[in-house]
Protein backbone atom coordinates (compact mmCIF):
# COMPACT_ATOMS: atom_id res chain seq x y z
CA UNK A 1 16.45 -12.01 11.42
CA UNK A 2 19.20 -10.50 13.56
CA UNK A 3 19.11 -7.59 16.04
CA UNK A 4 17.94 -4.34 14.47
CA UNK A 5 19.47 -0.94 15.03
CA UNK A 6 16.76 0.48 12.79
CA UNK A 7 13.82 -1.21 11.13
CA UNK A 8 15.57 -1.18 7.77
CA UNK A 9 14.89 -3.83 5.16
CA UNK A 10 18.60 -4.62 4.99
CA UNK A 11 18.44 -5.71 8.62
CA UNK A 12 15.05 -7.40 8.41
CA UNK A 13 15.72 -9.62 5.40
CA UNK A 14 18.50 -12.03 4.51
CA UNK A 15 21.11 -11.08 1.88
CA UNK A 16 19.42 -13.49 -0.55
CA UNK A 17 16.07 -11.74 -0.14
CA UNK A 18 17.61 -8.28 -0.44
CA UNK A 19 19.38 -9.36 -3.63
CA UNK A 20 16.01 -10.50 -5.02
CA UNK A 21 14.29 -7.25 -4.02
CA UNK A 22 17.06 -5.08 -5.47
CA UNK A 23 17.01 -7.08 -8.69
CA UNK A 24 13.27 -6.58 -9.04
CA UNK A 25 13.71 -2.87 -8.28
CA UNK A 26 16.31 -2.50 -11.03
CA UNK A 27 14.02 -4.20 -13.52
CA UNK A 28 11.12 -2.00 -12.41
CA UNK A 29 13.24 1.12 -12.91
CA UNK A 30 13.87 0.17 -16.52
CA UNK A 31 10.19 -0.62 -17.13
CA UNK A 32 8.85 2.52 -15.47
CA UNK A 33 11.35 5.17 -16.53
CA UNK A 34 13.04 3.64 -19.56
CA UNK A 35 16.13 5.65 -20.44
CA UNK A 36 15.08 8.79 -18.53
CA UNK A 37 17.47 10.02 -15.88
CA UNK A 38 16.23 11.47 -12.61
CA UNK A 39 16.06 15.09 -13.73
CA UNK A 40 14.31 14.16 -16.96
CA UNK A 41 11.76 12.09 -15.02
CA UNK A 42 11.09 14.92 -12.55
CA UNK A 43 10.74 17.52 -15.29
CA UNK A 44 8.45 15.32 -17.35
CA UNK A 45 6.29 14.36 -14.36
CA UNK A 46 5.68 18.01 -13.51
CA UNK A 47 4.66 18.76 -17.11
CA UNK A 48 2.33 15.75 -17.32
CA UNK A 49 0.80 16.50 -13.92
CA UNK A 50 0.06 20.08 -14.97
CA UNK A 51 -1.67 18.76 -18.10
CA UNK A 52 -3.73 16.30 -16.04
CA UNK A 53 -4.84 18.91 -13.52
CA UNK A 54 -5.93 21.21 -16.33
CA UNK A 55 -7.80 18.42 -18.14
CA UNK A 56 -9.58 17.33 -14.93
CA UNK A 57 -10.79 20.84 -14.16
CA UNK A 58 -14.57 20.81 -14.10
CA UNK A 59 -14.77 17.04 -13.76
CA UNK A 60 -13.32 16.52 -10.28
CA UNK A 61 -16.63 15.67 -8.57
CA UNK A 62 -17.33 12.99 -11.15
CA UNK A 63 -13.80 11.63 -10.99
CA UNK A 64 -14.00 11.38 -7.20
CA UNK A 65 -17.09 9.19 -7.54
CA UNK A 66 -15.48 7.13 -10.29
CA UNK A 67 -12.38 6.58 -8.14
CA UNK A 68 -14.47 5.34 -5.21
CA UNK A 69 -16.59 3.11 -7.44
CA UNK A 70 -13.57 1.76 -9.30
CA UNK A 71 -11.82 0.65 -6.12
CA UNK A 72 -15.08 -0.80 -4.77
CA UNK A 73 -15.48 -2.85 -7.95
CA UNK A 74 -11.86 -4.01 -7.93
CA UNK A 75 -11.87 -4.87 -4.20
CA UNK A 76 -15.24 -6.45 -3.33
CA UNK A 77 -14.17 -6.74 0.31
CA UNK A 78 -15.00 -3.02 0.60
CA UNK A 79 -18.71 -3.55 0.01
CA UNK A 80 -18.74 -6.82 1.96
CA UNK A 81 -17.16 -5.22 5.04
CA UNK A 82 -19.29 -2.05 4.67
CA UNK A 83 -16.25 0.22 4.32
CA UNK A 84 -17.09 3.83 3.46
CA UNK A 85 -14.91 5.83 1.06
CA UNK A 86 -14.49 9.59 1.42
CA UNK A 87 -12.38 10.64 -1.58
CA UNK A 88 -11.44 14.14 -2.72
CA UNK A 89 -9.30 15.63 -5.49
CA UNK A 90 -7.64 18.69 -3.97
CA UNK A 91 -4.88 21.22 -4.50
CA UNK A 92 -1.36 20.56 -3.25
CA UNK A 93 -1.84 23.03 -0.41
CA UNK A 94 -4.79 21.02 0.92
CA UNK A 95 -2.71 17.96 1.80
CA UNK A 96 -2.13 17.84 5.53
CA UNK A 97 -2.59 14.30 6.87
CA UNK A 98 0.77 13.12 8.17
CA UNK A 99 2.05 9.78 9.50
CA UNK A 100 2.44 9.58 13.26
CA UNK A 101 6.12 10.36 13.83
CA UNK A 102 5.19 10.24 17.50
CA UNK A 103 7.43 9.72 20.48
CA UNK A 104 8.04 6.29 21.96
CA UNK A 105 8.09 6.02 25.73
CA UNK A 106 11.15 4.30 27.15
CA UNK A 107 8.73 2.27 29.29
CA UNK A 108 6.90 1.01 26.22
CA UNK A 109 9.59 0.51 23.59
CA UNK A 110 8.34 -2.03 21.01
CA UNK A 111 10.24 -5.25 20.46
CA UNK A 112 12.41 -5.33 17.35
CA UNK A 113 10.29 -8.08 15.77
CA UNK A 114 7.15 -5.99 16.28
CA UNK A 115 8.76 -3.04 14.52
CA UNK A 116 10.07 -5.23 11.71
CA UNK A 117 6.65 -6.79 11.16
CA UNK A 118 5.02 -3.36 11.05
CA UNK A 119 7.62 -2.19 8.52
CA UNK A 120 6.88 -5.13 6.24
CA UNK A 121 3.13 -4.56 6.52
CA UNK A 122 3.62 -0.87 5.72
CA UNK A 123 5.63 -1.87 2.67
CA UNK A 124 2.88 -4.22 1.51
CA UNK A 125 0.33 -1.44 2.01
CA UNK A 126 2.35 0.89 -0.22
CA UNK A 127 2.91 -1.88 -2.75
CA UNK A 128 -0.77 -2.75 -2.95
CA UNK A 129 -1.62 0.90 -3.53
CA UNK A 130 0.89 1.21 -6.36
CA UNK A 131 -0.46 -1.87 -8.11
CA UNK A 132 -4.05 -0.78 -7.50
CA UNK A 133 -3.48 2.70 -8.91
CA UNK A 134 -3.23 1.30 -12.44
CA UNK A 135 -6.79 -0.02 -12.19
CA UNK A 136 -8.08 3.13 -13.89
CA UNK A 137 -7.98 1.12 -17.12
CA UNK A 138 -11.24 -0.48 -15.95
CA UNK A 139 -12.96 2.84 -16.59
CA UNK A 140 -11.28 3.63 -19.91
CA UNK A 141 -14.53 4.41 -21.74
CA UNK A 142 -15.74 6.85 -19.10
CA UNK A 143 -12.38 8.61 -18.91
CA UNK A 144 -12.22 8.81 -22.70
CA UNK A 145 -15.54 10.69 -22.63
CA UNK A 146 -13.89 13.34 -20.46
CA UNK A 147 -10.67 13.54 -22.44
CA UNK A 148 -9.26 10.77 -24.68
CA UNK A 149 -5.70 11.84 -23.83
CA UNK A 150 -6.13 11.22 -20.10
CA UNK A 151 -5.62 7.44 -20.14
CA UNK A 152 -2.11 7.76 -21.57
CA UNK A 153 -1.33 10.68 -19.26
CA UNK A 154 -2.54 8.73 -16.21
CA UNK A 155 -0.33 5.80 -17.13
CA UNK A 156 2.63 8.09 -17.72
CA UNK A 157 2.29 10.02 -14.45
CA UNK A 158 2.08 6.81 -12.43
CA UNK A 159 5.17 5.36 -14.09
CA UNK A 160 7.07 8.58 -13.50
CA UNK A 161 5.83 9.17 -9.96
CA UNK A 162 6.48 5.65 -8.71
CA UNK A 163 9.35 4.73 -11.01
CA UNK A 164 11.68 7.18 -9.28
CA UNK A 165 11.39 5.12 -6.09
CA UNK A 166 13.52 2.50 -7.84
CA UNK A 167 16.26 5.10 -8.41
CA UNK A 168 18.80 5.28 -5.60
CA UNK A 169 19.66 8.89 -6.45
CA UNK A 170 16.00 9.85 -6.22
CA UNK A 171 15.62 8.15 -2.85
CA UNK A 172 18.67 9.97 -1.50
CA UNK A 173 17.26 13.26 -2.76
CA UNK A 174 13.84 12.58 -1.23
CA UNK A 175 15.31 11.61 2.14
CA UNK A 176 17.37 14.80 2.16
CA UNK A 177 14.28 16.87 1.31
CA UNK A 178 12.24 15.17 4.03
CA UNK A 179 14.99 15.83 6.55
CA UNK A 180 14.61 19.53 5.73
CA UNK A 181 10.85 19.38 6.29
CA UNK A 182 9.83 19.53 2.64
CA UNK A 183 6.61 17.86 1.45
CA UNK A 184 6.93 15.12 -1.14
CA UNK A 185 3.29 14.06 -1.31
CA UNK A 186 0.85 13.88 -4.18
CA UNK A 187 -1.84 12.51 -1.91
CA UNK A 188 -2.64 11.15 1.52
CA UNK A 189 -4.99 8.73 3.19
CA UNK A 190 -6.00 7.54 6.59
CA UNK A 191 -8.52 5.10 7.91
CA UNK A 192 -10.85 5.78 10.80
CA UNK A 193 -13.39 3.69 12.64
CA UNK A 194 -16.81 5.33 12.90
CA UNK A 195 -18.20 3.85 16.11
CA UNK A 196 -21.58 5.53 15.66
CA UNK A 197 -22.16 3.82 12.31
CA UNK A 198 -20.03 0.76 13.13
CA UNK A 199 -17.90 0.98 9.99
CA UNK A 200 -14.45 1.81 8.74
CA UNK A 201 -14.00 4.99 6.72
CA UNK A 202 -11.19 5.53 4.20
CA UNK A 203 -10.42 9.23 3.93
CA UNK A 204 -8.32 9.93 0.86
CA UNK A 205 -7.11 13.11 -0.80
CA UNK A 206 -4.95 13.51 -3.89
CA UNK A 207 -4.05 16.06 -6.51
CA UNK A 208 -5.35 14.01 -9.46
CA UNK A 209 -7.50 10.99 -10.24
CA UNK A 210 -4.90 8.17 -10.47
CA UNK A 211 -3.23 9.35 -7.26
CA UNK A 212 -6.64 9.35 -5.59
CA UNK A 213 -7.15 5.72 -6.59
CA UNK A 214 -3.71 4.98 -5.14
CA UNK A 215 -4.62 6.60 -1.83
CA UNK A 216 -7.98 4.81 -1.54
CA UNK A 217 -6.31 1.42 -2.03
CA UNK A 218 -3.68 2.40 0.52
CA UNK A 219 -6.44 3.20 2.99
CA UNK A 220 -7.99 -0.22 2.41
CA UNK A 221 -4.70 -1.98 3.07
CA UNK A 222 -4.14 0.14 6.17
CA UNK A 223 -7.36 -1.39 7.48
CA UNK A 224 -6.16 -4.89 6.59
CA UNK A 225 -2.82 -4.07 8.21
CA UNK A 226 -4.41 -3.65 11.62
CA UNK A 227 -4.56 -7.45 11.77
CA UNK A 228 -0.81 -7.34 12.40
CA UNK A 229 -1.42 -5.73 15.79
CA UNK A 230 -1.81 -7.45 19.13
CA UNK A 231 -4.58 -6.82 21.68
CA UNK A 232 -2.70 -4.07 23.61
CA UNK A 233 -3.73 -0.73 22.06
CA UNK A 234 -1.06 1.26 23.87
CA UNK A 235 1.65 -1.08 22.62
CA UNK A 236 0.18 -0.92 19.10
CA UNK A 237 0.40 2.87 19.16
CA UNK A 238 4.01 2.65 20.32
CA UNK A 239 4.80 0.43 17.32
CA UNK A 240 3.12 2.93 14.98
CA UNK A 241 5.06 5.82 16.54
CA UNK A 242 8.33 3.94 16.12
CA UNK A 243 7.82 2.81 12.53
CA UNK A 244 5.28 4.92 10.63
CA UNK A 245 7.63 7.73 9.64
CA UNK A 246 7.87 9.74 6.42
CA UNK A 247 11.54 8.84 6.17
CA UNK A 248 10.57 5.16 5.82
CA UNK A 249 8.17 5.70 2.93
CA UNK A 250 10.66 5.84 0.02
CA UNK A 251 12.00 2.35 0.80
CA UNK A 252 8.50 1.08 1.53
CA UNK A 253 7.47 2.25 -1.95
CA UNK A 254 10.61 0.76 -3.47
CA UNK A 255 10.40 -2.73 -2.01
CA UNK A 256 6.79 -3.02 -0.84
CA UNK A 257 5.34 -3.63 -4.28
CA UNK A 258 7.42 -6.78 -4.68
CA UNK A 259 6.44 -8.10 -1.25
CA UNK A 260 2.81 -7.43 -2.14
CA UNK A 261 3.29 -9.18 -5.50
CA UNK A 262 4.72 -12.25 -3.77
CA UNK A 263 1.76 -12.66 -1.41
CA UNK A 264 -0.81 -11.73 -4.04
CA UNK A 265 0.68 -14.33 -6.40
CA UNK A 266 -0.13 -17.05 -3.86
CA UNK A 267 -3.79 -16.09 -4.13
CA UNK A 268 -3.62 -15.75 -7.93
CA UNK A 269 -2.09 -19.24 -8.27
CA UNK A 270 -4.69 -20.85 -6.00
CA UNK A 271 -7.96 -22.48 -7.02
CA UNK A 272 -9.88 -19.83 -5.08
CA UNK A 273 -11.77 -17.41 -7.34
CA UNK A 274 -13.43 -15.09 -4.79
CA UNK A 275 -11.50 -11.77 -4.80
CA UNK A 276 -12.68 -11.02 -1.26
CA UNK A 277 -10.41 -13.82 -0.13
CA UNK A 278 -7.32 -11.91 -1.29
CA UNK A 279 -7.41 -9.18 1.38
CA UNK A 280 -8.64 -11.59 4.06
CA UNK A 281 -5.70 -13.85 3.24
CA UNK A 282 -3.30 -10.94 3.72
CA UNK A 283 -4.94 -10.40 7.12
CA UNK A 284 -4.31 -14.05 8.04
CA UNK A 285 -0.65 -13.73 7.01
CA UNK A 286 -0.33 -10.70 9.27
CA UNK A 287 -1.69 -12.71 12.19
CA UNK A 288 1.05 -15.33 11.94
CA UNK A 289 3.42 -15.49 14.91
CA UNK A 290 6.92 -14.12 14.32
CA UNK A 291 8.57 -17.51 13.82
CA UNK A 292 6.10 -18.19 11.01
CA UNK A 293 5.54 -14.69 9.61
CA UNK A 294 9.11 -13.74 8.71
CA UNK A 295 10.06 -17.07 7.03
CA UNK A 296 6.76 -17.05 5.11
CA UNK A 297 7.39 -13.55 3.75
CA UNK A 298 11.01 -14.27 2.80
CA UNK A 299 10.21 -17.58 1.14
CA UNK A 300 7.31 -15.99 -0.76
CA UNK A 301 9.58 -13.22 -2.07
CA UNK A 302 12.15 -15.78 -3.19
CA UNK A 303 9.56 -18.12 -4.70
CA UNK A 304 10.62 -20.82 -2.24
CA UNK A 305 7.58 -21.54 -0.08
CA UNK A 306 8.00 -24.78 1.83
CA UNK A 307 5.37 -27.49 1.22
CA UNK A 308 3.85 -26.90 4.68
CA UNK A 309 3.75 -23.13 4.08
CA UNK A 310 2.01 -23.59 0.76
CA UNK A 311 -0.41 -26.07 2.29
CA UNK A 312 -1.21 -23.60 5.08
CA UNK A 313 -1.84 -20.88 2.50
CA UNK A 314 -4.11 -23.03 0.34
CA UNK A 315 -6.02 -24.40 3.32
CA UNK A 316 -6.42 -20.92 4.79
CA UNK A 317 -7.80 -19.46 1.57
CA UNK A 318 -10.23 -22.34 1.14
CA UNK A 319 -11.38 -21.91 4.74
CA UNK A 320 -11.90 -18.17 4.16
CA UNK A 321 -13.94 -18.85 1.03
CA UNK A 322 -16.01 -21.44 2.85
CA UNK A 323 -16.69 -18.98 5.67
CA UNK A 324 -17.61 -16.27 3.17
CA UNK A 325 -20.17 -18.60 1.64
CA UNK A 326 -21.65 -18.91 5.13
CA UNK A 327 -21.32 -15.12 5.48
CA UNK A 328 -19.53 -15.26 8.83
CA UNK A 329 -16.14 -13.82 7.92
CA UNK A 330 -15.30 -10.17 7.43
CA UNK A 331 -13.25 -7.27 8.64
CA UNK A 332 -15.78 -6.19 11.27
CA UNK A 333 -13.50 -7.16 14.15
CA UNK A 334 -10.50 -5.14 13.01
CA UNK A 335 -11.38 -2.20 15.24
CA UNK A 336 -10.57 -4.30 18.32
CA UNK A 337 -6.86 -3.63 17.83
CA UNK A 338 -7.06 0.09 17.09
């Protein structure tokens, strides 16, 4: 990894890795949007979203509970770590949680590697939330009771909404809109630590059910992502201010899902069958020192983990599972770095 003028993926990753990511993005574009061009995708997504919002009217309270329960079932670490979910389906005008976009003091400018690591973790967070959003299929029967057409509409809106992030024209358009102060959100999430009750809280809002699921999963992975921080809270905040910007989100959504897939595949290919291990393994990856973190991520993306890297991964997951069986591993210490 060379010197960074900005924390852009092109400067973080090698040309080989960028070629792999761009290839995966091109394939994803074809799978998600098919032969639709950008304007067709945008027009269709608006029409489908309007249909979803109308069909969900009168069922939002129930769907909020289903979204929270669905994510809890799919990610058992939530119950294990006593994470609370506060999820709401709202109107577009009720979205107001924004990333930091704060100022960075010249006396506390983060190191380039710290910013690059945060960018990768943010990408993984977005990627995990995209993959998790499609979990609504787990509740097919319940959703069919509300409206049998919703399952297909949910699938379609997610493909349209996230597929455009693999379209370079769409990204250029979104970046231009963001530069003019326009909102591009269908939801938002943030995680907080409730010191009184000693637990993390995921606060998620979205304009429809599948987007709410997406935001809840994103909140979970924001909690996991705090393991990438060091012990200095002021320095951590400076890193957030430097990296967590709306203008970074389109590329995070474009490439992050493939970085997430690469790390998740290591868990899926292991002999560990406790799904709580998955998120705790991500946390251990985030704790790797720079000289280990960046090569591990790149080699995972390229399917070229070294024998020692794979051994570390397998040993780490087995150790996590063993600790879980003794009930002495969790996410309870994550607040130390906030």
